[in-house]
Protein backbone atom coordinates (compact mmCIF):
# COMPACT_ATOMS: atom_id res chain seq x y z
CA MET A 1 -36.62 -60.91 34.58
CA GLN A 2 -36.77 -57.23 35.43
CA SER A 3 -34.61 -54.15 35.06
CA ILE A 4 -33.73 -51.48 37.56
CA PHE A 5 -32.06 -48.21 36.66
CA VAL A 6 -29.37 -46.30 38.54
CA GLU A 7 -28.48 -42.67 37.89
CA THR A 8 -24.78 -41.89 38.31
CA LYS A 9 -22.99 -38.58 38.77
CA GLY A 10 -20.06 -39.33 36.47
CA GLU A 11 -16.57 -40.72 36.61
CA LEU A 12 -15.79 -42.79 39.72
CA ASP A 13 -19.20 -42.30 41.30
CA VAL A 14 -19.74 -45.34 43.54
CA VAL A 15 -23.37 -46.25 44.20
CA ASN A 16 -24.41 -48.81 46.81
CA VAL A 17 -27.19 -50.80 45.10
CA THR A 18 -27.68 -53.38 47.85
CA ASN A 19 -31.06 -52.00 48.98
CA LEU A 20 -32.37 -51.84 45.41
CA LEU A 21 -31.44 -55.47 44.90
CA GLN A 22 -32.92 -56.47 48.27
CA GLN A 23 -36.21 -54.79 47.34
CA SER A 24 -36.29 -56.78 44.10
CA VAL A 25 -36.04 -60.18 45.86
CA SER A 26 -38.24 -59.44 48.86
CA GLY A 27 -40.92 -62.12 49.04
CA LEU A 28 -39.43 -64.30 46.28
CA GLY A 29 -38.31 -67.17 48.51
CA SER A 30 -34.93 -68.83 48.07
CA GLY A 31 -32.73 -69.14 45.02
CA LEU A 32 -30.16 -67.11 43.10
CA LEU A 33 -30.24 -63.52 41.89
CA HIS A 34 -28.29 -62.91 38.71
CA VAL A 35 -27.42 -59.23 38.22
CA PHE A 36 -26.20 -58.13 34.77
CA LEU A 37 -24.97 -54.60 34.08
CA LYS A 38 -25.68 -53.45 30.52
CA SER A 39 -22.59 -51.30 30.11
CA THR A 40 -19.02 -51.30 28.87
CA THR A 41 -17.94 -48.28 30.93
CA SER A 42 -19.10 -49.17 34.43
CA GLY A 43 -18.84 -52.16 36.72
CA LEU A 44 -20.01 -54.02 39.79
CA TYR A 45 -18.21 -55.23 42.87
CA VAL A 46 -18.96 -56.65 46.32
CA ASN A 47 -17.12 -55.27 49.33
CA GLU A 48 -17.48 -53.38 52.60
CA ASP A 49 -19.38 -50.07 52.64
CA ASP A 50 -16.59 -48.06 54.25
CA PRO A 51 -15.92 -44.53 52.94
CA ALA A 52 -12.13 -44.88 53.35
CA LEU A 53 -12.16 -48.21 51.49
CA ILE A 54 -14.25 -46.71 48.70
CA GLU A 55 -11.63 -43.96 48.28
CA ASP A 56 -8.88 -46.62 48.25
CA ILE A 57 -10.75 -48.48 45.50
CA LYS A 58 -11.12 -45.28 43.46
CA ASP A 59 -7.37 -44.63 43.83
CA PHE A 60 -6.62 -48.20 42.71
CA ILE A 61 -8.79 -47.75 39.62
CA LYS A 62 -7.13 -44.41 38.78
CA ARG A 63 -3.63 -45.90 39.13
CA SER A 64 -4.54 -48.92 37.01
CA ALA A 65 -5.64 -46.86 34.00
CA PRO A 66 -4.47 -43.25 34.44
CA SER A 67 -6.39 -40.34 32.92
CA ASP A 68 -3.25 -38.93 31.31
CA ALA A 69 -2.28 -42.14 29.48
CA ARG A 70 -2.71 -42.48 25.70
CA TYR A 71 -5.75 -44.57 24.69
CA ARG A 72 -6.25 -45.48 21.01
CA HIS A 73 -10.01 -45.58 21.59
CA ASP A 74 -9.94 -41.82 22.23
CA ALA A 75 -8.35 -41.16 18.83
CA THR A 76 -10.84 -43.46 17.09
CA TRP A 77 -14.02 -42.21 18.70
CA GLY A 78 -13.07 -38.78 20.08
CA ASP A 79 -15.14 -39.29 23.23
CA GLY A 80 -12.24 -39.27 25.72
CA ASN A 81 -13.37 -42.36 27.59
CA GLY A 82 -10.75 -44.90 26.54
CA ARG A 83 -9.64 -45.12 30.16
CA SER A 84 -13.25 -45.90 31.14
CA HIS A 85 -13.31 -48.98 28.93
CA VAL A 86 -9.91 -50.17 30.19
CA ARG A 87 -10.89 -49.57 33.83
CA SER A 88 -14.03 -51.66 33.36
CA LEU A 89 -11.80 -54.73 32.97
CA LEU A 90 -11.04 -54.48 36.70
CA LEU A 91 -14.68 -54.96 37.70
CA ASP A 92 -17.50 -57.42 37.08
CA ARG A 93 -20.35 -57.00 34.62
CA SER A 94 -22.47 -59.60 36.39
CA LEU A 95 -22.90 -61.08 39.84
CA LEU A 96 -24.65 -64.17 41.18
CA ILE A 97 -25.99 -63.63 44.70
CA PRO A 98 -27.70 -66.30 46.82
CA VAL A 99 -31.13 -65.43 48.19
CA SER A 100 -32.54 -67.08 51.30
CA ARG A 101 -36.20 -66.64 52.18
CA GLY A 102 -36.47 -63.36 50.29
CA SER A 103 -33.22 -61.83 51.57
CA LEU A 104 -29.86 -61.42 49.91
CA ALA A 105 -27.49 -63.91 51.56
CA LEU A 106 -24.58 -61.49 51.80
CA GLY A 107 -21.93 -61.60 54.49
CA THR A 108 -22.09 -59.24 57.46
CA TRP A 109 -19.89 -56.60 55.82
CA GLN A 110 -20.80 -57.22 52.18
CA SER A 111 -22.59 -54.68 50.02
CA VAL A 112 -23.06 -54.50 46.25
CA PHE A 113 -21.73 -51.45 44.40
CA LEU A 114 -22.03 -50.01 40.93
CA VAL A 115 -19.04 -47.90 39.86
CA GLU A 116 -19.42 -45.36 37.08
CA LEU A 117 -16.28 -45.24 34.97
CA ASP A 118 -17.50 -43.09 32.09
CA THR A 119 -16.54 -39.44 31.97
CA ARG A 120 -20.10 -38.15 32.35
CA PRO A 121 -23.27 -38.93 34.32
CA ARG A 122 -25.17 -41.93 32.99
CA ARG A 123 -28.34 -43.92 33.54
CA ARG A 124 -27.31 -47.52 34.06
CA GLU A 125 -29.53 -50.55 33.60
CA LEU A 126 -29.21 -53.63 35.79
CA VAL A 127 -31.03 -56.69 34.44
CA LEU A 128 -32.14 -58.96 37.28
CA THR A 129 -33.02 -62.62 36.88
CA PHE A 130 -34.25 -64.67 39.83
CA ILE A 131 -33.66 -68.42 39.69
CA LYS A 132 -35.90 -70.15 42.22
CA ALA A 133 -34.37 -72.96 44.30
CA ASP A 134 -35.58 -76.50 43.75
CA ARG A 135 -38.32 -77.34 46.27
CA ARG A 136 -36.50 -80.55 47.25
CA TRP A 137 -33.64 -78.45 48.65
CA LYS A 138 -34.00 -77.92 52.38
CA ASN A 139 -32.77 -74.65 53.82
CA PRO A 140 -31.24 -74.85 57.28
């Protein structure tokens, strides 16, 4: 198990972490990479790395939990990030990615993204666990 850290710029910053994950599995053989995000106000997703699509995703997140809505969490904690917690429900906290011969087995257009939902820049920790494939399994 290992951790990698990602610095974000604040609310709705989208960071492509595919290369960081690829570096972590390089030379490890075949198996599964489990990625766990230690956060309640950010999330992970897999999709195409297209700037227009990324803006569409940001708009979807904003519409789903608007900034100007009333969030009880804000009244309780006074930190103004109730929407961040609600928005996190739209995204994953963990991913399981196949690895083949030391490479992420993603589709042609697939990339892995971390989305910052909190209202300020943060340092996010991704906990990575590699599960090696059984030697009896034969890769094509």
